[in-house]
Amino acid sequence: MWVLIGLVALLPVAGFGACGVVLVGGGILIDRAGAGQLATLGGCPSSQTPHPPQGVLKDSSEISVGLPISAVGCWEAYADDMLARDVYTYYISRESLADWRLEETYAQTMYIRLANKLDAKLLVDVSIETGGGSIGWGPTRTRIDISICRCDPDLLKG
């Protein structure tokens, strides 16, 4: 992992793996391996994300997974005019997401973990909540936060 120091030199940082994201003075550096991981996701926002039915992308960001960093991924926030319960039902329905397997879910908190059926390391976490999102989003019924990474499933077990 390389970190930009004083905008002058790149220095290796001990303890970091071969890929990932490091926040430095408000900036983000991604090494070549991390950029390669993002490419397997189709960039950020990811082209592989199972999008909400009527969702409108409002925000996205590259994320790191693990410490030391072992994977990079993407976080995306969507606004949807559907009711939160209907969005939740969409995500847990086999008919809606044929390429994804439901790994775990908690109906009370509307949390969902999905794994891709063809690539078990392609993981998605979905969090659904009622209401407005962030300042500037305007009126919306439901906020959907989605994190996607191609990483070791054991890494994300809590």
N, C-alpha and C. Protein backbone atom coordinates (compact mmCIF):
# COMPACT_ATOMS: atom_id res chain seq x y z
N MET A 1 0.86 -1.17 0.00
CA MET A 1 0.00 0.00 0.00
C MET A 1 0.90 1.23 0.00
N TRP A 2 0.56 2.21 -0.78
CA TRP A 2 1.32 3.45 -0.85
C TRP A 2 0.47 4.60 -0.35
N VAL A 3 1.07 5.48 0.41
CA VAL A 3 0.37 6.63 0.96
C VAL A 3 1.09 7.90 0.51
N LEU A 4 0.35 8.90 0.08
CA LEU A 4 0.91 10.16 -0.33
C LEU A 4 1.27 10.96 0.91
N ILE A 5 2.53 11.36 1.03
CA ILE A 5 3.00 12.13 2.17
C ILE A 5 3.37 13.53 1.67
N GLY A 6 2.67 14.54 2.18
CA GLY A 6 3.00 15.92 1.84
C GLY A 6 2.94 16.23 0.36
N LEU A 7 2.18 15.48 -0.39
CA LEU A 7 2.04 15.68 -1.83
C LEU A 7 3.38 15.64 -2.56
N VAL A 8 4.40 15.04 -1.96
CA VAL A 8 5.72 15.02 -2.58
C VAL A 8 6.16 13.60 -2.90
N ALA A 9 6.01 12.65 -1.97
CA ALA A 9 6.56 11.32 -2.17
C ALA A 9 5.55 10.25 -1.79
N LEU A 10 5.66 9.09 -2.43
CA LEU A 10 4.86 7.93 -2.07
C LEU A 10 5.72 7.00 -1.24
N LEU A 11 5.22 6.59 -0.07
CA LEU A 11 5.96 5.71 0.81
C LEU A 11 5.11 4.51 1.18
N PRO A 12 5.71 3.32 1.28
CA PRO A 12 4.92 2.16 1.71
C PRO A 12 4.55 2.30 3.19
N VAL A 13 3.37 1.82 3.52
CA VAL A 13 2.92 1.86 4.92
C VAL A 13 2.94 0.44 5.47
N ALA A 14 3.70 0.21 6.51
CA ALA A 14 3.79 -1.11 7.11
C ALA A 14 2.44 -1.54 7.66
N GLY A 15 2.12 -2.81 7.52
CA GLY A 15 0.90 -3.34 8.08
C GLY A 15 -0.26 -3.37 7.11
N PHE A 16 -0.14 -2.74 5.95
CA PHE A 16 -1.23 -2.77 4.99
C PHE A 16 -0.97 -3.87 3.97
N GLY A 17 -2.04 -4.53 3.57
CA GLY A 17 -1.96 -5.62 2.61
C GLY A 17 -1.64 -5.11 1.22
N ALA A 18 -1.86 -5.96 0.25
CA ALA A 18 -1.50 -5.64 -1.11
C ALA A 18 -2.53 -4.77 -1.81
N CYS A 19 -3.65 -4.49 -1.17
CA CYS A 19 -4.65 -3.68 -1.84
C CYS A 19 -5.47 -2.92 -0.83
N GLY A 20 -6.17 -1.89 -1.31
CA GLY A 20 -7.09 -1.21 -0.42
C GLY A 20 -7.11 0.29 -0.60
N VAL A 21 -7.74 0.96 0.34
CA VAL A 21 -7.93 2.40 0.30
C VAL A 21 -7.42 2.97 1.62
N VAL A 22 -6.70 4.06 1.56
CA VAL A 22 -6.24 4.72 2.77
C VAL A 22 -6.63 6.19 2.67
N LEU A 23 -7.26 6.72 3.72
CA LEU A 23 -7.59 8.14 3.76
C LEU A 23 -6.36 8.91 4.20
N VAL A 24 -6.00 9.92 3.44
CA VAL A 24 -4.82 10.70 3.75
C VAL A 24 -5.16 12.17 3.56
N GLY A 25 -5.16 12.93 4.62
CA GLY A 25 -5.38 14.36 4.52
C GLY A 25 -6.59 14.73 3.68
N GLY A 26 -7.67 13.97 3.83
CA GLY A 26 -8.88 14.26 3.08
C GLY A 26 -8.90 13.65 1.70
N GLY A 27 -7.83 12.99 1.28
CA GLY A 27 -7.80 12.37 -0.04
C GLY A 27 -7.81 10.87 0.06
N ILE A 28 -8.02 10.20 -1.05
CA ILE A 28 -8.03 8.75 -1.07
C ILE A 28 -7.08 8.28 -2.15
N LEU A 29 -6.24 7.32 -1.80
CA LEU A 29 -5.36 6.69 -2.76
C LEU A 29 -5.73 5.22 -2.87
N ILE A 30 -5.83 4.72 -4.06
CA ILE A 30 -6.11 3.31 -4.27
C ILE A 30 -4.96 2.75 -5.09
N ASP A 31 -4.35 1.69 -4.60
CA ASP A 31 -3.25 1.12 -5.36
C ASP A 31 -3.79 0.29 -6.52
N ARG A 32 -2.89 -0.24 -7.33
CA ARG A 32 -3.31 -0.97 -8.53
C ARG A 32 -4.17 -2.18 -8.22
N ALA A 33 -3.86 -2.93 -7.17
CA ALA A 33 -4.67 -4.10 -6.82
C ALA A 33 -6.07 -3.69 -6.42
N GLY A 34 -6.18 -2.61 -5.65
CA GLY A 34 -7.49 -2.09 -5.25
C GLY A 34 -8.29 -1.62 -6.45
N ALA A 35 -7.62 -0.94 -7.37
CA ALA A 35 -8.29 -0.49 -8.59
C ALA A 35 -8.76 -1.69 -9.41
N GLY A 36 -7.97 -2.77 -9.41
CA GLY A 36 -8.38 -4.00 -10.10
C GLY A 36 -9.62 -4.61 -9.47
N GLN A 37 -9.70 -4.56 -8.14
CA GLN A 37 -10.89 -5.08 -7.46
C GLN A 37 -12.12 -4.25 -7.83
N LEU A 38 -11.96 -2.93 -7.88
CA LEU A 38 -13.08 -2.07 -8.28
C LEU A 38 -13.50 -2.37 -9.71
N ALA A 39 -12.55 -2.66 -10.57
CA ALA A 39 -12.88 -2.98 -11.96
C ALA A 39 -13.73 -4.25 -12.05
N THR A 40 -13.48 -5.24 -11.18
CA THR A 40 -14.30 -6.46 -11.21
C THR A 40 -15.73 -6.19 -10.77
N LEU A 41 -15.96 -5.06 -10.08
CA LEU A 41 -17.31 -4.68 -9.67
C LEU A 41 -17.99 -3.80 -10.72
N GLY A 42 -17.26 -3.45 -11.76
CA GLY A 42 -17.80 -2.55 -12.76
C GLY A 42 -17.70 -1.10 -12.33
N GLY A 43 -16.69 -0.79 -11.49
CA GLY A 43 -16.48 0.57 -11.04
C GLY A 43 -17.30 0.91 -9.81
N CYS A 44 -17.39 2.21 -9.55
CA CYS A 44 -18.17 2.69 -8.41
C CYS A 44 -18.86 4.00 -8.82
N PRO A 45 -20.18 4.05 -8.89
CA PRO A 45 -21.10 3.00 -8.47
C PRO A 45 -20.96 1.76 -9.35
N SER A 46 -21.24 0.62 -8.77
CA SER A 46 -21.00 -0.66 -9.41
C SER A 46 -22.09 -1.03 -10.41
N SER A 47 -21.67 -1.53 -11.55
CA SER A 47 -22.63 -2.02 -12.54
C SER A 47 -23.21 -3.36 -12.12
N GLN A 48 -22.63 -3.98 -11.07
CA GLN A 48 -23.11 -5.29 -10.61
C GLN A 48 -24.10 -5.21 -9.46
N THR A 49 -24.32 -4.01 -8.93
CA THR A 49 -25.23 -3.84 -7.80
C THR A 49 -26.65 -4.19 -8.19
N PRO A 50 -27.33 -5.01 -7.38
CA PRO A 50 -28.76 -5.25 -7.61
C PRO A 50 -29.54 -4.00 -7.18
N HIS A 51 -29.89 -3.18 -8.16
CA HIS A 51 -30.51 -1.89 -7.90
C HIS A 51 -31.93 -2.03 -7.37
N PRO A 52 -32.35 -1.07 -6.53
CA PRO A 52 -33.73 -1.08 -6.05
C PRO A 52 -34.69 -0.83 -7.22
N PRO A 53 -35.93 -1.31 -7.10
CA PRO A 53 -36.88 -1.27 -8.22
C PRO A 53 -37.08 0.11 -8.84
N GLN A 54 -37.30 1.12 -8.03
CA GLN A 54 -37.51 2.48 -8.55
C GLN A 54 -36.46 3.43 -8.01
N GLY A 55 -35.35 2.88 -7.56
CA GLY A 55 -34.33 3.67 -6.89
C GLY A 55 -33.63 4.66 -7.79
N VAL A 56 -33.31 5.80 -7.21
CA VAL A 56 -32.53 6.84 -7.87
C VAL A 56 -31.24 7.00 -7.07
N LEU A 57 -30.10 6.80 -7.71
CA LEU A 57 -28.81 6.93 -7.05
C LEU A 57 -28.62 8.36 -6.57
N LYS A 58 -28.32 8.52 -5.28
CA LYS A 58 -28.12 9.85 -4.69
C LYS A 58 -26.67 10.09 -4.26
N ASP A 59 -25.95 9.01 -3.96
CA ASP A 59 -24.58 9.18 -3.49
C ASP A 59 -23.85 7.85 -3.63
N SER A 60 -22.53 7.89 -3.79
CA SER A 60 -21.73 6.67 -3.82
C SER A 60 -20.30 7.01 -3.42
N SER A 61 -19.59 5.97 -2.98
CA SER A 61 -18.21 6.17 -2.56
C SER A 61 -17.49 4.83 -2.57
N GLU A 62 -16.19 4.88 -2.82
CA GLU A 62 -15.37 3.68 -2.69
C GLU A 62 -15.16 3.42 -1.21
N ILE A 63 -15.13 2.14 -0.81
CA ILE A 63 -14.95 1.76 0.59
C ILE A 63 -13.82 0.74 0.71
N SER A 64 -13.30 0.60 1.92
CA SER A 64 -12.32 -0.44 2.21
C SER A 64 -12.93 -1.42 3.19
N VAL A 65 -12.47 -2.66 3.12
CA VAL A 65 -12.98 -3.73 3.98
C VAL A 65 -11.81 -4.35 4.72
N GLY A 66 -11.95 -4.44 6.05
CA GLY A 66 -10.93 -5.11 6.87
C GLY A 66 -9.84 -4.17 7.33
N LEU A 67 -9.15 -4.62 8.36
CA LEU A 67 -8.01 -3.90 8.88
C LEU A 67 -6.97 -4.93 9.31
N PRO A 68 -5.86 -5.10 8.66
CA PRO A 68 -5.46 -4.26 7.55
C PRO A 68 -6.40 -4.45 6.35
N ILE A 69 -6.40 -3.48 5.48
CA ILE A 69 -7.31 -3.48 4.34
C ILE A 69 -7.05 -4.69 3.47
N SER A 70 -8.12 -5.46 3.21
CA SER A 70 -7.97 -6.67 2.40
C SER A 70 -8.84 -6.65 1.17
N ALA A 71 -9.74 -5.69 1.05
CA ALA A 71 -10.59 -5.60 -0.13
C ALA A 71 -11.14 -4.19 -0.24
N VAL A 72 -11.51 -3.82 -1.44
CA VAL A 72 -12.20 -2.55 -1.66
C VAL A 72 -13.54 -2.84 -2.30
N GLY A 73 -14.44 -1.92 -2.15
CA GLY A 73 -15.77 -2.08 -2.72
C GLY A 73 -16.41 -0.74 -2.94
N CYS A 74 -17.73 -0.75 -2.96
CA CYS A 74 -18.48 0.45 -3.26
C CYS A 74 -19.70 0.54 -2.35
N TRP A 75 -19.98 1.74 -1.86
CA TRP A 75 -21.19 2.03 -1.12
C TRP A 75 -22.05 2.93 -1.99
N GLU A 76 -23.35 2.63 -2.03
CA GLU A 76 -24.27 3.42 -2.83
C GLU A 76 -25.52 3.72 -2.00
N ALA A 77 -26.04 4.93 -2.14
CA ALA A 77 -27.27 5.32 -1.45
C ALA A 77 -28.32 5.68 -2.49
N TYR A 78 -29.51 5.10 -2.32
CA TYR A 78 -30.61 5.32 -3.25
C TYR A 78 -31.82 5.87 -2.52
N ALA A 79 -32.60 6.69 -3.24
CA ALA A 79 -33.92 7.11 -2.78
C ALA A 79 -34.93 6.35 -3.62
N ASP A 80 -36.02 5.89 -3.00
CA ASP A 80 -37.04 5.12 -3.71
C ASP A 80 -38.41 5.57 -3.23
N ASP A 81 -39.36 5.70 -4.15
CA ASP A 81 -40.72 6.11 -3.79
C ASP A 81 -41.57 4.95 -3.29
N MET A 82 -41.06 3.72 -3.40
CA MET A 82 -41.81 2.58 -2.85
C MET A 82 -41.73 2.60 -1.33
N LEU A 83 -42.68 1.96 -0.68
CA LEU A 83 -42.63 1.80 0.77
C LEU A 83 -41.44 0.91 1.14
N ALA A 84 -40.85 1.17 2.28
CA ALA A 84 -39.68 0.40 2.73
C ALA A 84 -39.99 -1.09 2.76
N ARG A 85 -41.15 -1.48 3.26
CA ARG A 85 -41.52 -2.90 3.35
C ARG A 85 -41.57 -3.54 1.95
N ASP A 86 -42.04 -2.79 0.94
CA ASP A 86 -42.10 -3.31 -0.43
C ASP A 86 -40.71 -3.47 -1.03
N VAL A 87 -39.82 -2.54 -0.72
CA VAL A 87 -38.43 -2.66 -1.19
C VAL A 87 -37.78 -3.88 -0.53
N TYR A 88 -38.01 -4.07 0.76
CA TYR A 88 -37.48 -5.23 1.47
C TYR A 88 -37.98 -6.53 0.83
N THR A 89 -39.27 -6.59 0.55
CA THR A 89 -39.86 -7.79 -0.09
C THR A 89 -39.23 -8.04 -1.45
N TYR A 90 -38.96 -6.99 -2.20
CA TYR A 90 -38.29 -7.12 -3.50
C TYR A 90 -36.93 -7.80 -3.34
N TYR A 91 -36.15 -7.34 -2.37
CA TYR A 91 -34.79 -7.88 -2.20
C TYR A 91 -34.76 -9.31 -1.67
N ILE A 92 -35.76 -9.75 -0.96
CA ILE A 92 -35.72 -11.13 -0.45
C ILE A 92 -36.46 -12.11 -1.37
N SER A 93 -37.04 -11.61 -2.47
CA SER A 93 -37.77 -12.44 -3.41
C SER A 93 -36.83 -13.09 -4.42
N ARG A 94 -36.93 -14.40 -4.58
CA ARG A 94 -36.09 -15.11 -5.57
C ARG A 94 -36.40 -14.67 -6.99
N GLU A 95 -37.65 -14.31 -7.24
CA GLU A 95 -38.04 -13.90 -8.58
C GLU A 95 -37.41 -12.56 -8.96
N SER A 96 -37.25 -11.68 -8.01
CA SER A 96 -36.70 -10.35 -8.28
C SER A 96 -35.21 -10.40 -8.59
N LEU A 97 -34.48 -11.22 -7.87
CA LEU A 97 -33.02 -11.25 -7.99
C LEU A 97 -32.53 -12.67 -8.24
N ALA A 98 -32.79 -13.16 -9.43
CA ALA A 98 -32.48 -14.56 -9.77
C ALA A 98 -30.99 -14.89 -9.68
N ASP A 99 -30.13 -13.90 -9.88
CA ASP A 99 -28.68 -14.15 -9.86
C ASP A 99 -28.07 -14.09 -8.46
N TRP A 100 -28.90 -13.81 -7.44
CA TRP A 100 -28.40 -13.61 -6.09
C TRP A 100 -29.03 -14.60 -5.13
N ARG A 101 -28.26 -15.00 -4.12
CA ARG A 101 -28.72 -15.92 -3.08
C ARG A 101 -28.83 -15.14 -1.77
N LEU A 102 -29.94 -15.31 -1.09
CA LEU A 102 -30.14 -14.66 0.20
C LEU A 102 -29.30 -15.39 1.24
N GLU A 103 -28.36 -14.69 1.86
CA GLU A 103 -27.48 -15.27 2.86
C GLU A 103 -28.03 -15.09 4.27
N GLU A 104 -28.50 -13.87 4.57
CA GLU A 104 -29.11 -13.61 5.86
C GLU A 104 -29.97 -12.37 5.76
N THR A 105 -30.94 -12.28 6.64
CA THR A 105 -31.81 -11.12 6.67
C THR A 105 -32.43 -10.97 8.05
N TYR A 106 -32.72 -9.74 8.40
CA TYR A 106 -33.39 -9.41 9.65
C TYR A 106 -34.55 -8.48 9.31
N ALA A 107 -35.76 -9.02 9.32
CA ALA A 107 -36.94 -8.26 8.91
C ALA A 107 -37.17 -7.03 9.78
N GLN A 108 -36.87 -7.12 11.07
CA GLN A 108 -37.13 -6.00 11.98
C GLN A 108 -36.28 -4.77 11.62
N THR A 109 -35.06 -5.01 11.20
CA THR A 109 -34.17 -3.89 10.87
C THR A 109 -34.03 -3.69 9.35
N MET A 110 -34.65 -4.56 8.59
CA MET A 110 -34.60 -4.52 7.11
C MET A 110 -33.16 -4.56 6.58
N TYR A 111 -32.37 -5.44 7.18
CA TYR A 111 -30.99 -5.70 6.72
C TYR A 111 -31.00 -6.98 5.89
N ILE A 112 -30.24 -6.96 4.81
CA ILE A 112 -30.18 -8.12 3.90
C ILE A 112 -28.73 -8.33 3.46
N ARG A 113 -28.28 -9.58 3.46
CA ARG A 113 -26.97 -9.96 2.88
C ARG A 113 -27.25 -10.89 1.72
N LEU A 114 -26.68 -10.55 0.55
CA LEU A 114 -26.82 -11.36 -0.65
C LEU A 114 -25.44 -11.80 -1.12
N ALA A 115 -25.39 -12.98 -1.76
CA ALA A 115 -24.17 -13.46 -2.41
C ALA A 115 -24.54 -13.82 -3.85
N ASN A 116 -23.65 -13.52 -4.76
CA ASN A 116 -23.89 -13.85 -6.15
C ASN A 116 -23.83 -15.36 -6.34
N LYS A 117 -24.76 -15.92 -7.11
CA LYS A 117 -24.81 -17.38 -7.30
C LYS A 117 -23.63 -17.91 -8.10
N LEU A 118 -23.04 -17.09 -8.97
CA LEU A 118 -21.92 -17.55 -9.79
C LEU A 118 -20.56 -17.22 -9.17
N ASP A 119 -20.52 -16.25 -8.27
CA ASP A 119 -19.28 -15.82 -7.65
C ASP A 119 -19.53 -15.60 -6.16
N ALA A 120 -19.24 -16.58 -5.33
CA ALA A 120 -19.55 -16.53 -3.90
C ALA A 120 -18.83 -15.40 -3.17
N LYS A 121 -17.78 -14.84 -3.77
CA LYS A 121 -17.06 -13.74 -3.14
C LYS A 121 -17.66 -12.37 -3.48
N LEU A 122 -18.63 -12.34 -4.39
CA LEU A 122 -19.31 -11.10 -4.72
C LEU A 122 -20.48 -10.94 -3.76
N LEU A 123 -20.32 -10.05 -2.78
CA LEU A 123 -21.27 -9.89 -1.68
C LEU A 123 -21.93 -8.52 -1.68
N VAL A 124 -23.18 -8.50 -1.24
CA VAL A 124 -23.94 -7.26 -1.16
C VAL A 124 -24.63 -7.19 0.20
N ASP A 125 -24.48 -6.06 0.88
CA ASP A 125 -25.24 -5.77 2.09
C ASP A 125 -26.22 -4.66 1.76
N VAL A 126 -27.48 -4.84 2.15
CA VAL A 126 -28.53 -3.86 1.87
C VAL A 126 -29.17 -3.45 3.19
N SER A 127 -29.31 -2.16 3.40
CA SER A 127 -29.99 -1.61 4.57
C SER A 127 -31.10 -0.69 4.07
N ILE A 128 -32.31 -0.93 4.52
CA ILE A 128 -33.47 -0.18 4.05
C ILE A 128 -34.10 0.54 5.23
N GLU A 129 -34.41 1.82 5.05
CA GLU A 129 -35.07 2.56 6.11
C GLU A 129 -36.10 3.51 5.54
N THR A 130 -37.11 3.77 6.34
CA THR A 130 -38.18 4.67 5.95
C THR A 130 -37.71 6.10 6.09
N GLY A 131 -38.03 6.91 5.09
CA GLY A 131 -37.80 8.33 5.23
C GLY A 131 -36.66 8.87 4.45
N GLY A 132 -36.49 10.11 4.63
CA GLY A 132 -35.84 11.12 3.85
C GLY A 132 -34.44 11.07 3.39
N GLY A 133 -33.59 10.24 3.79
CA GLY A 133 -32.23 10.32 3.29
C GLY A 133 -31.49 11.50 3.87
N SER A 134 -30.81 12.25 3.03
CA SER A 134 -29.95 13.34 3.46
C SER A 134 -30.52 14.69 3.03
N ILE A 135 -29.94 15.74 3.55
CA ILE A 135 -30.32 17.09 3.13
C ILE A 135 -30.09 17.19 1.63
N GLY A 136 -31.06 17.75 0.95
CA GLY A 136 -30.94 17.91 -0.49
C GLY A 136 -31.52 16.78 -1.31
N TRP A 137 -31.97 15.71 -0.66
CA TRP A 137 -32.55 14.60 -1.41
C TRP A 137 -33.96 14.91 -1.87
N GLY A 138 -34.64 15.80 -1.18
CA GLY A 138 -36.04 16.07 -1.48
C GLY A 138 -36.91 14.98 -0.87
N PRO A 139 -38.21 15.03 -1.16
CA PRO A 139 -39.11 14.04 -0.55
C PRO A 139 -38.86 12.64 -1.12
N THR A 140 -38.75 11.69 -0.24
CA THR A 140 -38.60 10.29 -0.64
C THR A 140 -39.18 9.42 0.46
N ARG A 141 -39.76 8.30 0.07
CA ARG A 141 -40.34 7.39 1.07
C ARG A 141 -39.29 6.52 1.74
N THR A 142 -38.31 6.10 0.96
CA THR A 142 -37.39 5.06 1.43
C THR A 142 -35.96 5.37 1.03
N ARG A 143 -35.03 5.10 1.95
CA ARG A 143 -33.60 5.19 1.67
C ARG A 143 -33.04 3.78 1.66
N ILE A 144 -32.22 3.47 0.66
CA ILE A 144 -31.58 2.16 0.55
C ILE A 144 -30.07 2.38 0.48
N ASP A 145 -29.33 1.81 1.43
CA ASP A 145 -27.87 1.85 1.42
C ASP A 145 -27.37 0.47 1.02
N ILE A 146 -26.50 0.43 0.02
CA ILE A 146 -25.99 -0.83 -0.50
C ILE A 146 -24.47 -0.79 -0.50
N SER A 147 -23.85 -1.82 0.05
CA SER A 147 -22.40 -1.99 -0.03
C SER A 147 -22.14 -3.25 -0.83
N ILE A 148 -21.20 -3.17 -1.77
CA ILE A 148 -20.85 -4.33 -2.59
C ILE A 148 -19.33 -4.47 -2.61
N CYS A 149 -18.86 -5.71 -2.48
CA CYS A 149 -17.43 -5.97 -2.60
C CYS A 149 -17.22 -7.38 -3.15
N ARG A 150 -16.07 -7.61 -3.70
CA ARG A 150 -15.65 -8.95 -4.06
C ARG A 150 -14.58 -9.31 -3.06
N CYS A 151 -15.01 -10.04 -2.00
CA CYS A 151 -14.11 -10.28 -0.88
C CYS A 151 -14.45 -11.62 -0.20
N ASP A 152 -13.62 -12.00 0.72
CA ASP A 152 -13.78 -13.24 1.47
C ASP A 152 -15.04 -13.14 2.34
N PRO A 153 -16.02 -14.05 2.15
CA PRO A 153 -17.24 -14.01 2.95
C PRO A 153 -16.99 -14.07 4.46
N ASP A 154 -15.95 -14.77 4.90
CA ASP A 154 -15.63 -14.85 6.33
C ASP A 154 -15.19 -13.50 6.89
N LEU A 155 -14.63 -12.65 6.03
CA LEU A 155 -14.18 -11.33 6.45
C LEU A 155 -15.33 -10.48 6.96
N LEU A 156 -16.52 -10.66 6.39
CA LEU A 156 -17.66 -9.81 6.73
C LEU A 156 -18.58 -10.39 7.79
N LYS A 157 -18.24 -11.57 8.32
CA LYS A 157 -19.08 -12.14 9.37
C LYS A 157 -18.83 -11.40 10.67
N GLY A 158 -19.92 -11.03 11.33
CA GLY A 158 -19.81 -10.23 12.55
C GLY A 158 -19.68 -11.01 13.80
